């Protein structure tokens, strides 16, 4: 009778089987996520159970949380996946929640001394925090504080450099939180972008200016088209004046040689008798006066460009710890692009915004000045944040900040550099 009933009501049976399958798969996924959280908390508790001297204070960690990231889900993701790990590790955690865009920059100006800075959000939150940090009067000291990044935003470009790739969001967040506890860091370059009037803005990924960026901003407006929304945004943008050319003048300097890295541990102070002997020797035989050397003028290269898109990016995406030169990449894309190529490349640009397609002009530079014609409209995209397009000077600050990374990722970087 049961089989006959199921056969007679095959539509309801099919719907019920699909619903049960989906529900079972959803429950199994939740169970796996809980197992991942439990394993990460047990690993974090091992750090918290370590004994420390009574005279040593607990390490202070200041977390800057953007609750608006990931469409308002960032707070829940942080409290479920990252906060328990940080508290179990024995850190003195202070969570600072931002209420509006740009607040993190102001809060960084008032931040007191801390041992760790943790950014919980997306690319925009990273850009705000490092900008506020490097705008401080005492940025030389605060820039040495190691920074952790917990990827909670819609776009988290930096996480692909610091942590192993993972399709599971819970595992990706727990890996990031555990990497902070393990203490391995890598130096990252920073771009200082300064206009004529405004304070400088700092970025760890890069700057974009052009038609692909303008079309990418409008993708969310075509949400009702589902997977076709990206192609639709780029297709409708071709209805404007075509070809879309962005003209500017560029001045730039070549790469600079990388100085040797300073040791992290300072050498111990020599004994008193050694110091007295050195001072006496300097007093009796002072060193000869140095002859001032002539400062050679900087050799600026000049270039007039007409492009569909210009991007200036750091090398943080392809991090090479053994590189002997410091530079950033400038990609000037050709303006002779058909509408079909523009639509197809737009999808590639959404996956990797700073990809440089064939036929583009690539320049390696340590410093550049971008001069725009009067009346230029449009916006820059600086680490996925929108800024008014104005003439700017972009300067590379090599190895300016240290970010926590997964030890496995760091080992892969060193192995790849050795090969």
Protein backbone atom coordinates (compact mmCIF):
# COMPACT_ATOMS: atom_id res chain seq x y z
CA UNK A 1 0.00 0.00 0.00
CA UNK A 2 2.82 2.42 0.80
CA UNK A 3 4.49 1.87 -2.57
CA UNK A 4 1.17 2.21 -4.37
CA UNK A 5 0.46 5.48 -2.55
CA UNK A 6 3.88 6.87 -3.39
CA UNK A 7 3.44 5.92 -7.04
CA UNK A 8 0.01 7.47 -7.27
CA UNK A 9 1.29 10.74 -5.74
CA UNK A 10 4.60 10.82 -7.54
CA UNK A 11 4.76 14.65 -7.69
CA UNK A 12 4.45 15.00 -3.93
CA UNK A 13 6.88 12.12 -3.48
CA UNK A 14 9.49 13.76 -5.72
CA UNK A 15 9.11 17.08 -3.92
CA UNK A 16 9.41 15.40 -0.51
CA UNK A 17 12.54 13.48 -1.51
CA UNK A 18 14.19 16.65 -2.80
CA UNK A 19 13.25 18.54 0.37
CA UNK A 20 14.57 15.77 2.61
CA UNK A 21 17.80 15.55 0.62
CA UNK A 22 18.36 19.28 0.82
CA UNK A 23 17.56 19.34 4.56
CA UNK A 24 19.87 16.42 5.25
CA UNK A 25 22.69 18.01 3.30
CA UNK A 26 22.16 21.31 5.17
CA UNK A 27 22.22 19.58 8.57
CA UNK A 28 25.34 17.62 7.61
CA UNK A 29 27.07 20.86 6.57
CA UNK A 30 26.18 22.45 9.92
CA UNK A 31 27.56 19.40 11.74
CA UNK A 32 30.84 19.61 9.79
CA UNK A 33 31.12 23.32 10.58
CA UNK A 34 30.70 22.58 14.29
CA UNK A 35 33.44 19.96 14.11
CA UNK A 36 35.75 22.51 12.48
CA UNK A 37 34.99 25.07 15.20
CA UNK A 38 35.59 22.51 17.95
CA UNK A 39 38.94 21.42 16.51
CA UNK A 40 40.06 25.05 16.12
CA UNK A 41 39.05 25.87 19.72
CA UNK A 42 40.97 22.86 21.04
CA UNK A 43 44.05 24.02 19.14
CA UNK A 44 43.63 27.55 20.50
CA UNK A 45 43.20 26.27 24.04
CA UNK A 46 46.68 24.71 23.82
CA UNK A 47 48.07 28.24 23.43
CA UNK A 48 45.98 29.48 26.36
CA UNK A 49 47.20 26.67 28.65
CA UNK A 50 50.85 27.68 28.27
CA UNK A 51 52.41 29.04 31.47
CA UNK A 52 53.82 32.57 31.48
CA UNK A 53 55.84 34.35 34.21
CA UNK A 54 53.78 36.29 36.73
CA UNK A 55 55.67 39.48 35.85
CA UNK A 56 54.77 39.25 32.16
CA UNK A 57 51.48 40.96 31.23
CA UNK A 58 48.99 39.39 28.85
CA UNK A 59 49.30 40.36 25.21
CA UNK A 60 46.75 42.97 24.20
CA UNK A 61 44.88 42.47 20.92
CA UNK A 62 42.71 45.23 19.49
CA UNK A 63 40.09 44.00 17.00
CA UNK A 64 38.49 46.41 14.52
CA UNK A 65 35.22 44.78 13.47
CA UNK A 66 33.10 46.07 10.60
CA UNK A 67 29.61 44.61 11.26
CA UNK A 68 28.31 45.84 7.90
CA UNK A 69 30.67 43.56 5.96
CA UNK A 70 29.27 40.51 4.14
CA UNK A 71 25.81 42.13 3.89
CA UNK A 72 25.57 42.59 7.65
CA UNK A 73 26.63 39.04 8.59
CA UNK A 74 30.17 39.93 9.73
CA UNK A 75 29.34 40.25 13.43
CA UNK A 76 27.69 36.83 13.54
CA UNK A 77 30.55 35.22 11.60
CA UNK A 78 33.12 36.77 13.94
CA UNK A 79 31.36 35.80 17.16
CA UNK A 80 30.75 32.21 16.03
CA UNK A 81 34.07 31.40 14.39
CA UNK A 82 36.87 33.77 15.43
CA UNK A 83 36.03 35.28 18.84
CA UNK A 84 36.12 31.95 20.78
CA UNK A 85 39.54 31.14 19.33
CA UNK A 86 40.99 34.52 20.32
CA UNK A 87 39.59 34.36 23.87
CA UNK A 88 40.72 30.76 24.45
CA UNK A 89 44.27 31.63 23.38
CA UNK A 90 44.85 33.80 26.47
CA UNK A 91 44.92 37.16 24.67
CA UNK A 92 43.48 40.28 26.27
CA UNK A 93 41.00 41.01 23.47
CA UNK A 94 39.32 44.38 22.95
CA UNK A 95 36.72 44.51 20.16
CA UNK A 96 36.10 47.92 18.57
CA UNK A 97 32.97 47.92 16.41
CA UNK A 98 32.68 50.57 13.72
CA UNK A 99 29.33 52.28 13.17
CA UNK A 100 29.89 54.13 9.90
CA UNK A 101 32.27 54.29 6.95
CA UNK A 102 35.55 56.05 7.78
CA UNK A 103 35.21 55.67 11.55
CA UNK A 104 38.16 53.27 11.77
CA UNK A 105 40.51 56.01 10.52
CA UNK A 106 39.45 58.28 13.38
CA UNK A 107 39.61 55.53 15.99
CA UNK A 108 43.17 54.66 14.98
CA UNK A 109 44.25 58.21 15.83
CA UNK A 110 43.09 57.66 19.44
CA UNK A 111 44.27 54.06 19.83
CA UNK A 112 46.63 53.41 22.72
CA UNK A 113 49.54 51.01 22.68
CA UNK A 114 48.66 47.44 21.79
CA UNK A 115 50.57 44.27 20.97
CA UNK A 116 48.39 43.10 18.06
CA UNK A 117 45.99 44.74 15.64
CA UNK A 118 43.31 42.48 14.15
CA UNK A 119 41.15 43.57 11.21
CA UNK A 120 37.83 41.74 10.91
CA UNK A 121 36.10 42.70 7.68
CA UNK A 122 36.85 43.02 3.98
CA UNK A 123 39.15 45.01 1.71
CA UNK A 124 37.51 48.30 2.67
CA UNK A 125 38.10 47.68 6.38
CA UNK A 126 41.76 46.86 5.73
CA UNK A 127 42.19 50.05 3.73
CA UNK A 128 40.61 52.17 6.47
CA UNK A 129 42.67 50.65 9.30
CA UNK A 130 46.06 50.92 7.60
CA UNK A 131 45.26 54.47 6.45
CA UNK A 132 44.43 55.51 10.01
CA UNK A 133 47.51 53.70 11.30
CA UNK A 134 49.96 55.29 8.87
CA UNK A 135 48.48 58.77 9.28
CA UNK A 136 49.49 58.85 12.95
CA UNK A 137 52.32 61.13 14.01
CA UNK A 138 54.05 58.13 15.63
CA UNK A 139 53.44 55.80 12.68
CA UNK A 140 57.09 54.70 12.68
CA UNK A 141 56.53 52.88 15.97
CA UNK A 142 52.94 51.74 15.35
CA UNK A 143 53.72 50.37 11.89
CA UNK A 144 55.89 47.71 13.58
CA UNK A 145 52.87 46.23 15.35
CA UNK A 146 51.94 42.93 13.63
CA UNK A 147 48.52 42.91 11.99
CA UNK A 148 46.08 40.03 11.68
CA UNK A 149 43.34 39.82 9.07
CA UNK A 150 40.13 37.83 9.56
CA UNK A 151 38.32 37.72 6.18
CA UNK A 152 34.64 38.50 6.72
CA UNK A 153 33.84 40.77 3.76
CA UNK A 154 32.50 40.19 0.29
CA UNK A 155 35.93 40.91 -1.23
CA UNK A 156 38.98 39.76 0.75
CA UNK A 157 41.86 39.99 -1.73
CA UNK A 158 44.55 39.83 0.95
CA UNK A 159 43.31 36.49 2.32
CA UNK A 160 44.43 34.70 -0.87
CA UNK A 161 48.00 35.77 -0.10
CA UNK A 162 48.03 35.01 3.63
CA UNK A 163 46.02 31.79 3.97
CA UNK A 164 45.44 28.53 2.05
CA UNK A 165 42.55 28.47 -0.39
CA UNK A 166 39.36 27.01 1.08
CA UNK A 167 35.79 26.77 -0.23
CA UNK A 168 34.44 26.44 3.32
CA UNK A 169 33.91 29.87 4.89
CA UNK A 170 34.12 28.56 8.48
CA UNK A 171 37.44 26.83 7.81
CA UNK A 172 38.80 29.96 6.10
CA UNK A 173 37.95 32.14 9.11
CA UNK A 174 39.27 29.67 11.70
CA UNK A 175 42.51 29.26 9.73
CA UNK A 176 42.96 33.05 9.79
CA UNK A 177 42.35 33.24 13.55
CA UNK A 178 44.76 30.36 14.28
CA UNK A 179 47.43 31.95 12.05
CA UNK A 180 47.41 34.97 14.39
CA UNK A 181 48.17 32.70 17.36
CA UNK A 182 50.99 30.85 15.58
CA UNK A 183 52.88 34.12 15.10
CA UNK A 184 54.30 33.72 11.58
CA UNK A 185 54.40 37.04 9.72
CA UNK A 186 55.29 38.27 6.24
CA UNK A 187 56.17 41.84 5.20
CA UNK A 188 53.75 43.48 2.78
CA UNK A 189 54.23 46.53 0.56
CA UNK A 190 51.96 49.55 0.92
CA UNK A 191 51.04 52.23 -1.63
CA UNK A 192 50.90 55.84 -0.46
CA UNK A 193 48.41 57.70 -2.68
CA UNK A 194 48.44 61.45 -2.16
CA UNK A 195 46.45 64.17 -3.91
CA UNK A 196 47.20 67.86 -3.97
CA UNK A 197 44.92 68.79 -1.06
CA UNK A 198 43.71 65.72 0.80
CA UNK A 199 45.62 63.61 3.31
CA UNK A 200 47.32 60.52 1.87
CA UNK A 201 45.43 57.28 1.47
CA UNK A 202 47.20 53.93 1.87
CA UNK A 203 46.47 50.66 0.07
CA UNK A 204 47.85 47.11 0.16
CA UNK A 205 46.34 45.94 -3.15
CA UNK A 206 46.30 48.85 -5.60
CA UNK A 207 44.49 51.56 -7.54
CA UNK A 208 42.18 51.16 -10.56
CA UNK A 209 40.87 53.79 -12.94
CA UNK A 210 38.89 52.98 -16.06
CA UNK A 211 35.86 51.46 -17.72
CA UNK A 212 36.12 47.96 -16.21
CA UNK A 213 36.06 49.39 -12.69
CA UNK A 214 33.11 51.66 -13.51
CA UNK A 215 31.14 48.72 -14.91
CA UNK A 216 32.01 46.47 -11.94
CA UNK A 217 30.49 49.00 -9.53
CA UNK A 218 27.11 48.67 -11.32
CA UNK A 219 26.98 44.86 -11.29
CA UNK A 220 24.86 44.75 -8.12
CA UNK A 221 22.13 46.81 -9.86
CA UNK A 222 21.41 43.85 -12.15
CA UNK A 223 20.95 41.33 -9.31
CA UNK A 224 17.68 40.11 -10.84
CA UNK A 225 19.61 38.62 -13.80
CA UNK A 226 21.39 36.14 -11.55
CA UNK A 227 24.60 34.73 -13.09
CA UNK A 228 24.22 37.03 -16.10
CA UNK A 229 24.45 40.24 -14.04
CA UNK A 230 28.21 40.69 -14.67
CA UNK A 231 27.91 40.42 -18.44
CA UNK A 232 24.83 42.64 -18.40
CA UNK A 233 26.63 45.42 -16.51
CA UNK A 234 29.51 45.43 -18.99
CA UNK A 235 27.20 45.09 -21.99
CA UNK A 236 25.04 48.08 -21.05
CA UNK A 237 28.14 50.17 -20.30
CA UNK A 238 29.14 49.82 -23.97
CA UNK A 239 26.11 51.95 -24.89
CA UNK A 240 28.11 54.98 -23.82
CA UNK A 241 30.52 56.74 -26.13
CA UNK A 242 32.71 54.07 -27.72
CA UNK A 243 35.61 53.46 -27.58
CA UNK A 244 35.90 54.59 -23.98
CA UNK A 245 39.29 56.26 -23.66
CA UNK A 246 40.89 57.61 -20.50
CA UNK A 247 43.73 60.01 -21.22
CA UNK A 248 46.40 61.13 -18.77
CA UNK A 249 50.12 61.91 -18.39
CA UNK A 250 52.35 59.63 -16.35
CA UNK A 251 55.74 60.32 -14.78
CA UNK A 252 57.55 57.47 -13.07
CA UNK A 253 60.83 56.25 -11.57
CA UNK A 254 62.29 52.76 -11.99
CA UNK A 255 62.57 50.02 -9.35
CA UNK A 256 64.80 50.49 -6.31
CA UNK A 257 67.25 48.00 -4.87
CA UNK A 258 65.96 46.25 -1.77
CA UNK A 259 68.11 46.91 1.33
CA UNK A 260 68.96 44.00 3.64
CA UNK A 261 66.26 43.20 6.15
CA UNK A 262 66.88 44.44 9.67
CA UNK A 263 67.12 41.74 12.34
CA UNK A 264 64.04 41.47 14.52
CA UNK A 265 66.03 41.03 17.75
CA UNK A 266 68.25 43.91 18.77
CA UNK A 267 71.83 43.01 19.74
CA UNK A 268 72.55 43.00 23.47
CA UNK A 269 74.23 46.04 24.99
CA UNK A 270 78.03 45.61 25.33
CA UNK A 271 79.66 45.70 28.80
CA UNK A 272 80.61 48.99 30.44
CA UNK A 273 84.35 48.65 29.86
CA UNK A 274 83.80 48.07 26.13
CA UNK A 275 81.68 51.20 25.86
CA UNK A 276 84.27 53.27 27.77
CA UNK A 277 87.03 52.00 25.49
CA UNK A 278 85.07 52.92 22.36
CA UNK A 279 84.35 56.44 23.61
CA UNK A 280 87.98 56.99 24.56
CA UNK A 281 89.18 55.82 21.16
CA UNK A 282 86.74 58.16 19.41
CA UNK A 283 87.94 61.05 21.59
CA UNK A 284 91.65 60.42 20.91
CA UNK A 285 91.32 59.71 17.19
CA UNK A 286 88.13 61.24 15.83
CA UNK A 287 86.98 59.94 12.43
CA UNK A 288 87.71 62.13 9.40
CA UNK A 289 84.96 64.43 8.23
CA UNK A 290 82.88 62.99 5.45
CA UNK A 291 82.89 64.87 2.18
CA UNK A 292 79.28 65.60 1.19
CA UNK A 293 78.36 63.73 -1.94
CA UNK A 294 76.48 65.38 -4.76
CA UNK A 295 72.86 64.36 -4.94
CA UNK A 296 72.08 63.03 -8.38
CA UNK A 297 68.78 64.30 -9.78
CA UNK A 298 66.02 61.74 -10.13
CA UNK A 299 65.60 60.43 -13.65
CA UNK A 300 61.86 60.70 -14.30
CA UNK A 301 60.37 58.98 -17.31
CA UNK A 302 57.41 60.71 -18.98
CA UNK A 303 54.59 59.04 -20.86
CA UNK A 304 51.30 60.19 -22.37
CA UNK A 305 48.70 57.47 -22.31
CA UNK A 306 45.27 56.69 -23.71
CA UNK A 307 43.80 53.59 -22.15
CA UNK A 308 40.55 51.83 -21.39
CA UNK A 309 41.82 51.11 -17.87
CA UNK A 310 44.91 51.89 -15.79
CA UNK A 311 45.87 49.89 -12.71
CA UNK A 312 48.70 50.37 -10.20
CA UNK A 313 49.19 47.31 -8.00
CA UNK A 314 51.58 46.03 -5.36
CA UNK A 315 53.33 42.69 -5.62
CA UNK A 316 51.52 41.35 -2.55
CA UNK A 317 49.43 38.97 -4.67
CA UNK A 318 52.59 37.23 -5.95
CA UNK A 319 54.63 37.68 -2.79
CA UNK A 320 58.34 36.88 -3.24
CA UNK A 321 60.26 37.01 0.04
CA UNK A 322 63.65 36.75 -1.70
CA UNK A 323 63.14 39.55 -4.25
CA UNK A 324 66.13 41.89 -4.66
CA UNK A 325 64.19 44.87 -6.07
CA UNK A 326 61.17 46.77 -4.81
CA UNK A 327 58.59 47.98 -7.32
CA UNK A 328 54.88 48.20 -8.11
CA UNK A 329 53.23 47.15 -11.36
CA UNK A 330 51.52 49.64 -13.68
CA UNK A 331 49.27 48.09 -16.32
CA UNK A 332 48.12 50.33 -19.19
CA UNK A 333 45.50 48.46 -21.22
CA UNK A 334 45.04 49.23 -24.90
CA UNK A 335 42.04 51.35 -25.83
CA UNK A 336 41.45 49.41 -29.06
CA UNK A 337 39.08 46.88 -27.53
CA UNK A 338 35.93 45.65 -29.24
CA UNK A 339 32.64 45.51 -27.38
CA UNK A 340 32.70 41.71 -27.35
CA UNK A 341 36.19 41.65 -25.83
CA UNK A 342 35.12 44.23 -23.26
CA UNK A 343 32.20 42.07 -22.09
CA UNK A 344 34.25 38.86 -21.93
CA UNK A 345 37.21 40.50 -20.18
CA UNK A 346 34.85 42.13 -17.71
CA UNK A 347 34.04 38.71 -16.23
CA UNK A 348 37.77 37.97 -15.85
CA UNK A 349 38.27 41.35 -14.19
CA UNK A 350 35.62 40.55 -11.61
CA UNK A 351 37.57 37.46 -10.54
CA UNK A 352 40.99 39.16 -10.61
CA UNK A 353 40.65 42.95 -10.82
CA UNK A 354 44.37 43.60 -11.35
CA UNK A 355 44.94 41.06 -14.11
CA UNK A 356 46.88 42.51 -17.03
CA UNK A 357 45.57 41.12 -20.38
CA UNK A 358 47.72 40.58 -23.46
CA UNK A 359 48.57 43.64 -25.50
CA UNK A 360 48.84 45.86 -22.43
CA UNK A 361 51.87 47.98 -21.55
CA UNK A 362 53.42 46.92 -18.24
CA UNK A 363 55.78 49.18 -16.26
CA UNK A 364 57.68 48.45 -13.05
CA UNK A 365 58.17 51.53 -10.92
CA UNK A 366 58.79 52.64 -7.34
CA UNK A 367 57.09 56.03 -7.61
CA UNK A 368 54.80 57.69 -10.13
CA UNK A 369 52.74 60.83 -10.69
CA UNK A 370 49.42 60.57 -12.53
CA UNK A 371 48.30 63.85 -14.07
CA UNK A 372 44.72 64.07 -15.33
CA UNK A 373 43.31 66.62 -17.79
CA UNK A 374 41.07 69.36 -16.41
CA UNK A 375 37.44 68.38 -16.17
CA UNK A 376 38.18 64.66 -15.79
CA UNK A 377 35.20 62.83 -14.30
CA UNK A 378 34.96 59.40 -12.78
CA UNK A 379 36.39 57.69 -9.72
CA UNK A 380 39.39 55.69 -8.56
CA UNK A 381 39.00 52.29 -6.97
CA UNK A 382 41.53 52.05 -4.13
CA UNK A 383 41.34 48.62 -2.46
CA UNK A 384 37.69 48.35 -3.60
CA UNK A 385 36.85 51.75 -2.07
CA UNK A 386 35.69 54.63 -4.29
CA UNK A 387 37.56 57.96 -4.38
CA UNK A 388 37.24 60.98 -6.65
CA UNK A 389 39.58 60.87 -9.66
CA UNK A 390 42.15 63.66 -9.14
CA UNK A 391 45.88 64.03 -9.97
CA UNK A 392 47.80 61.86 -7.51
CA UNK A 393 51.30 60.81 -6.58
CA UNK A 394 51.69 57.11 -5.83
CA UNK A 395 54.72 56.06 -3.80
CA UNK A 396 55.73 52.53 -2.87
CA UNK A 397 56.50 51.88 0.80
CA UNK A 398 58.29 48.52 0.59
CA UNK A 399 57.76 46.02 3.42
CA UNK A 400 56.02 48.67 5.48
CA UNK A 401 53.65 46.43 7.47
CA UNK A 402 53.86 42.89 8.80
CA UNK A 403 50.78 40.68 8.52
CA UNK A 404 50.21 37.32 10.19
CA UNK A 405 50.04 34.44 7.73
CA UNK A 406 49.53 30.70 7.85
CA UNK A 407 52.88 28.86 8.34
CA UNK A 408 52.01 26.53 5.43
CA UNK A 409 51.56 29.50 3.11
CA UNK A 410 54.86 31.03 4.20
CA UNK A 411 56.63 27.72 3.62
CA UNK A 412 55.17 27.51 0.11
CA UNK A 413 56.44 31.04 -0.63
CA UNK A 414 59.97 30.15 0.48
CA UNK A 415 59.89 26.87 -1.47
CA UNK A 416 58.69 28.61 -4.63
CA UNK A 417 61.39 31.29 -4.26
CA UNK A 418 64.06 28.60 -3.83
CA UNK A 419 63.03 26.86 -7.05
